[in-house]
Amino acid sequence: MFLFIWMILGITQYVADELVIKADKLTAEQLQHGDITALLPAGVEIEKLEPLFPGMHIKKGGELLDRCFRLKLGRREILEPAIAKLKALPGVEDVQPIAIHEFDIIPNDPMFPDSQWYLHQTTDHDIDAPEAWDTTTGSNTVVVAVVETGVQYTHEDLVDNIWDNPDEIPNNGVDDDANGYVDDTLGWDFVDGQMGSYPWWPGEDSLTEDNEPLDFNGHGTHVAGIIGAVTNNNIGVAGVNWDVKIMCLRVGGSVNVG
């Protein structure tokens, strides 16, 4: 595998006339002295060749970096065929194009950034979300438990990022994953009627624990949206994590106690 793997989001194109090559030790020594004889059998016109990391041969641990070179192609060369020809040479271990990266990814959610100043604003009093998104927008293998007033898990800007318990069969009345909670496919509602007598919302579950962690307050849904609203979907807000799974845990109700 090539020594350098550039994994930054937003690659749309490559530099048209430049490549990075990694040579074996013997070939690299020849190239360091300006001798490109080992590359000539490829039949590729080379306009310029220079070390990618000049001077690394004099530093401890720099041996591999010293075998990497930036190569400028002649104007008549086409990138992909040139890569294939150079890769076929016995003294060349790998060849890679140079990616052009698009930085500061901006999602198309209508409330970003005007209503989400904490993610991005011109004064830079924010968490630099677009800069972070250049590196990663999250992963749906990460589960975040929102311990709150519940979550409106059918919300159109959340539903695709709601966690689904892979070890539980929905609505079969069995604790399939043996964790003590039956049919906990989305999370759990821990509100059990021990919070006193308050004016609950009509239809709000305030007496028994169950597997419906629905939000009657709004705060938990708001928190879930900050953490992981579905992003770049032309709806609502942007989440800090575009890809994430939200586990819904309800510990409070509409009366702001829990």
Protein backbone atom coordinates (compact mmCIF):
# COMPACT_ATOMS: atom_id res chain seq x y z
CA MET A 1 0.00 0.00 0.00
CA PHE A 2 1.22 3.47 -0.78
CA LEU A 3 2.83 5.31 2.11
CA PHE A 4 0.47 8.26 1.93
CA ILE A 5 -3.29 7.87 1.97
CA TRP A 6 -5.11 11.18 1.78
CA MET A 7 -8.58 10.72 3.23
CA ILE A 8 -10.08 14.22 3.19
CA LEU A 9 -13.65 14.67 2.06
CA GLY A 10 -14.53 16.58 -1.06
CA ILE A 11 -12.07 15.23 -3.62
CA THR A 12 -13.49 16.28 -6.98
CA GLN A 13 -10.50 16.18 -9.30
CA TYR A 14 -6.75 15.66 -9.57
CA VAL A 15 -3.82 17.75 -10.69
CA ALA A 16 -3.71 17.03 -14.43
CA ASP A 17 0.03 16.83 -15.00
CA GLU A 18 1.62 15.72 -11.72
CA LEU A 19 2.04 12.43 -9.89
CA VAL A 20 3.66 11.14 -6.72
CA ILE A 21 5.72 7.99 -7.07
CA LYS A 22 7.34 5.72 -4.51
CA ALA A 23 10.44 3.88 -5.74
CA ASP A 24 12.38 0.97 -4.31
CA LYS A 25 15.63 1.74 -2.54
CA LEU A 26 17.96 1.25 -5.53
CA THR A 27 15.80 3.24 -7.95
CA ALA A 28 15.30 5.98 -5.38
CA GLU A 29 19.06 6.41 -5.03
CA GLN A 30 19.34 6.86 -8.80
CA LEU A 31 16.50 9.36 -8.89
CA GLN A 32 18.03 11.32 -6.01
CA HIS A 33 21.06 11.92 -8.26
CA GLY A 34 18.94 13.03 -11.21
CA ASP A 35 19.23 9.75 -13.10
CA ILE A 36 15.77 8.88 -14.48
CA THR A 37 16.99 5.93 -16.57
CA ALA A 38 14.86 3.50 -14.54
CA LEU A 39 11.70 5.39 -15.53
CA LEU A 40 12.39 5.64 -19.27
CA PRO A 41 11.06 2.17 -20.22
CA ALA A 42 7.56 3.39 -19.30
CA GLY A 43 7.62 5.65 -22.36
CA VAL A 44 6.22 8.54 -20.33
CA GLU A 45 7.44 12.06 -21.02
CA ILE A 46 8.83 13.47 -17.79
CA GLU A 47 9.27 17.23 -17.63
CA LYS A 48 10.47 17.44 -14.06
CA LEU A 49 11.19 15.14 -11.12
CA GLU A 50 12.02 16.20 -7.56
CA PRO A 51 12.00 14.68 -4.07
CA LEU A 52 8.65 14.99 -2.33
CA PHE A 53 10.41 15.42 1.01
CA PRO A 54 13.85 16.92 0.30
CA GLY A 55 16.58 16.12 2.78
CA MET A 56 14.75 13.32 4.57
CA HIS A 57 17.62 10.89 3.89
CA ILE A 58 19.72 12.64 6.51
CA LYS A 59 17.08 12.22 9.24
CA LYS A 60 16.54 9.13 11.33
CA GLY A 61 13.45 7.30 10.13
CA GLY A 62 13.33 9.26 6.88
CA GLU A 63 14.34 6.38 4.62
CA LEU A 64 10.83 5.69 3.30
CA LEU A 65 10.00 9.37 2.80
CA ASP A 66 13.25 9.74 0.88
CA ARG A 67 11.95 7.27 -1.71
CA CYS A 68 8.98 9.44 -2.69
CA PHE A 69 9.08 11.88 -5.61
CA ARG A 70 6.87 14.43 -7.30
CA LEU A 71 6.84 13.95 -11.04
CA LYS A 72 5.63 16.52 -13.58
CA LEU A 73 4.41 15.03 -16.85
CA GLY A 74 4.95 16.40 -20.32
CA ARG A 75 2.01 18.33 -21.70
CA ARG A 76 0.97 15.55 -24.07
CA GLU A 77 0.64 12.93 -21.35
CA ILE A 78 -2.73 11.77 -20.00
CA LEU A 79 -2.88 11.05 -16.28
CA GLU A 80 -4.42 7.57 -16.07
CA PRO A 81 -2.34 5.88 -18.82
CA ALA A 82 0.82 7.46 -17.38
CA ILE A 83 -0.01 6.03 -13.93
CA ALA A 84 -0.51 2.55 -15.38
CA LYS A 85 2.77 2.65 -17.35
CA LEU A 86 4.83 3.85 -14.38
CA LYS A 87 3.26 1.32 -11.99
CA ALA A 88 4.37 -1.47 -14.32
CA LEU A 89 8.05 -0.62 -13.84
CA PRO A 90 9.95 -3.02 -11.54
CA GLY A 91 11.64 -0.19 -9.62
CA VAL A 92 8.39 1.66 -8.88
CA GLU A 93 6.39 0.47 -5.88
CA ASP A 94 3.40 2.77 -6.28
CA VAL A 95 2.07 5.79 -8.16
CA GLN A 96 -0.67 8.15 -7.00
CA PRO A 97 -2.35 11.22 -8.48
CA ILE A 98 -2.39 14.44 -6.47
CA ALA A 99 -5.92 15.17 -5.30
CA ILE A 100 -7.45 18.63 -5.32
CA HIS A 101 -9.46 18.99 -2.14
CA GLU A 102 -12.54 21.07 -1.46
CA PHE A 103 -12.34 22.53 2.04
CA ASP A 104 -14.95 23.87 4.47
CA ILE A 105 -17.91 21.73 3.46
CA ILE A 106 -21.13 23.75 3.76
CA PRO A 107 -24.39 21.75 4.06
CA ASN A 108 -27.61 22.88 2.37
CA ASP A 109 -29.84 22.74 5.46
CA PRO A 110 -31.92 25.98 5.41
CA MET A 111 -31.33 26.90 9.07
CA PHE A 112 -27.54 26.62 8.71
CA PRO A 113 -25.70 28.78 9.59
CA ASP A 114 -28.03 31.70 10.43
CA SER A 115 -29.89 29.88 13.20
CA GLN A 116 -26.89 27.74 14.13
CA TRP A 117 -24.29 30.35 14.97
CA TYR A 118 -22.58 27.95 17.37
CA LEU A 119 -21.50 25.79 14.41
CA HIS A 120 -20.25 28.57 12.15
CA GLN A 121 -20.29 32.36 12.01
CA THR A 122 -18.18 35.13 10.52
CA THR A 123 -16.87 36.26 13.92
CA ASP A 124 -15.54 32.72 14.44
CA HIS A 125 -17.14 32.49 17.90
CA ASP A 126 -18.15 28.93 17.14
CA ILE A 127 -16.94 25.33 17.21
CA ASP A 128 -15.53 25.46 13.64
CA ALA A 129 -17.89 22.77 12.39
CA PRO A 130 -17.11 23.16 8.65
CA GLU A 131 -13.40 22.79 9.39
CA ALA A 132 -14.12 19.61 11.33
CA TRP A 133 -16.38 18.29 8.57
CA ASP A 134 -13.43 18.50 6.18
CA THR A 135 -11.93 15.64 8.19
CA THR A 136 -15.06 13.67 9.08
CA THR A 137 -18.83 14.06 9.18
CA GLY A 138 -19.28 11.22 11.65
CA SER A 139 -20.03 7.52 11.42
CA ASN A 140 -23.22 5.51 11.72
CA THR A 141 -21.26 2.97 13.74
CA VAL A 142 -21.16 5.48 16.63
CA VAL A 143 -24.15 5.37 19.00
CA VAL A 144 -24.87 8.41 21.20
CA ALA A 145 -27.32 7.95 24.06
CA VAL A 146 -29.43 11.09 24.59
CA VAL A 147 -30.53 10.93 28.25
CA GLU A 148 -33.19 13.60 28.21
CA THR A 149 -36.93 14.26 27.98
CA GLY A 150 -37.14 11.72 25.18
CA VAL A 151 -36.78 12.23 21.45
CA GLN A 152 -39.33 12.79 18.72
CA TYR A 153 -37.86 9.87 16.86
CA THR A 154 -40.19 10.18 13.86
CA HIS A 155 -39.04 13.76 13.16
CA GLU A 156 -38.14 14.08 9.48
CA ASP A 157 -34.75 15.60 10.31
CA LEU A 158 -33.89 12.84 12.82
CA VAL A 159 -35.57 9.60 11.76
CA ASP A 160 -32.74 8.34 9.55
CA ASN A 161 -30.21 8.80 12.38
CA ILE A 162 -32.22 7.09 15.13
CA TRP A 163 -30.58 4.00 16.62
CA ASP A 164 -32.28 0.67 16.00
CA ASN A 165 -31.33 -2.06 18.46
CA PRO A 166 -29.90 -4.83 16.26
CA ASP A 167 -30.32 -7.44 18.99
CA GLU A 168 -34.01 -6.85 19.63
CA ILE A 169 -36.95 -8.12 17.57
CA PRO A 170 -39.62 -5.38 17.52
CA ASN A 171 -42.90 -5.88 19.35
CA ASN A 172 -42.57 -9.60 20.10
CA GLY A 173 -42.91 -9.12 23.86
CA VAL A 174 -39.56 -10.80 24.48
CA ASP A 175 -36.35 -9.40 25.93
CA ASP A 176 -34.29 -10.75 23.03
CA ASP A 177 -31.00 -9.16 24.05
CA ALA A 178 -31.47 -10.14 27.71
CA ASN A 179 -30.68 -6.67 29.05
CA GLY A 180 -33.79 -6.42 31.24
CA TYR A 181 -35.84 -4.27 28.84
CA VAL A 182 -38.46 -5.82 26.57
CA ASP A 183 -38.67 -4.58 22.97
CA ASP A 184 -36.20 -1.73 23.58
CA THR A 185 -35.67 -1.16 19.86
CA LEU A 186 -35.16 2.62 20.08
CA GLY A 187 -34.08 3.06 23.69
CA TRP A 188 -36.19 3.25 26.85
CA ASP A 189 -38.64 5.45 28.76
CA PHE A 190 -37.62 5.50 32.44
CA VAL A 191 -40.42 7.86 33.60
CA ASP A 192 -42.38 5.79 36.11
CA GLY A 193 -44.77 8.07 37.96
CA GLN A 194 -42.39 8.82 40.82
CA MET A 195 -42.02 12.52 39.94
CA GLY A 196 -45.18 13.69 41.73
CA SER A 197 -48.46 15.11 40.49
CA TYR A 198 -47.94 17.58 37.66
CA PRO A 199 -50.10 18.82 34.80
CA TRP A 200 -48.85 16.36 32.16
CA TRP A 201 -49.68 16.81 28.49
CA PRO A 202 -52.74 14.89 27.27
CA GLY A 203 -51.62 11.46 26.13
CA GLU A 204 -48.24 11.77 27.80
CA ASP A 205 -46.99 8.57 29.39
CA SER A 206 -46.06 9.52 32.97
CA LEU A 207 -46.83 6.43 35.02
CA THR A 208 -44.93 3.37 33.82
CA GLU A 209 -41.62 2.58 32.20
CA ASP A 210 -41.92 1.35 28.63
CA ASN A 211 -40.23 1.18 25.25
CA GLU A 212 -41.70 4.46 23.92
CA PRO A 213 -39.16 7.22 24.75
CA LEU A 214 -41.22 9.89 22.97
CA ASP A 215 -40.54 13.54 23.77
CA PHE A 216 -43.43 15.69 25.10
CA ASN A 217 -41.16 18.54 26.14
CA GLY A 218 -39.04 19.30 23.09
CA HIS A 219 -35.72 19.71 24.87
CA GLY A 220 -34.52 16.17 24.22
CA THR A 221 -35.40 16.45 20.55
CA HIS A 222 -33.50 19.72 20.36
CA VAL A 223 -30.43 18.13 21.95
CA ALA A 224 -30.64 15.15 19.60
CA GLY A 225 -30.80 17.53 16.64
CA ILE A 226 -27.66 19.36 17.75
CA ILE A 227 -25.84 16.07 18.09
CA GLY A 228 -27.04 14.31 14.99
CA ALA A 229 -29.71 15.86 12.80
CA VAL A 230 -29.69 14.39 9.30
CA THR A 231 -27.56 16.89 7.39
CA ASN A 232 -27.28 18.15 3.83
CA ASN A 233 -30.86 17.07 3.12
CA ASN A 234 -32.43 20.53 2.52
CA ILE A 235 -34.44 20.15 5.73
CA GLY A 236 -34.19 22.01 9.04
CA VAL A 237 -30.82 22.12 10.75
CA ALA A 238 -27.36 20.59 10.43
CA GLY A 239 -26.11 18.15 13.04
CA VAL A 240 -22.61 18.25 14.45
CA ASN A 241 -22.49 14.63 13.28
CA TRP A 242 -24.05 14.04 9.87
CA ASP A 243 -23.76 10.29 10.36
CA VAL A 244 -24.48 8.95 13.83
CA LYS A 245 -27.05 6.84 15.64
CA ILE A 246 -29.13 8.39 18.44
CA MET A 247 -30.30 6.13 21.27
CA CYS A 248 -33.41 7.65 22.85
CA LEU A 249 -33.54 7.51 26.67
CA ARG A 250 -36.40 9.39 28.38
CA VAL A 251 -35.83 10.38 32.01
CA GLY A 252 -37.99 13.51 32.17
CA GLY A 253 -41.34 14.79 30.95
CA SER A 254 -43.09 17.89 29.78
CA VAL A 255 -42.97 19.46 33.26
CA ASN A 256 -39.16 19.79 33.27
CA VAL A 257 -38.58 17.44 36.18
CA GLY A 258 -36.92 14.04 36.17
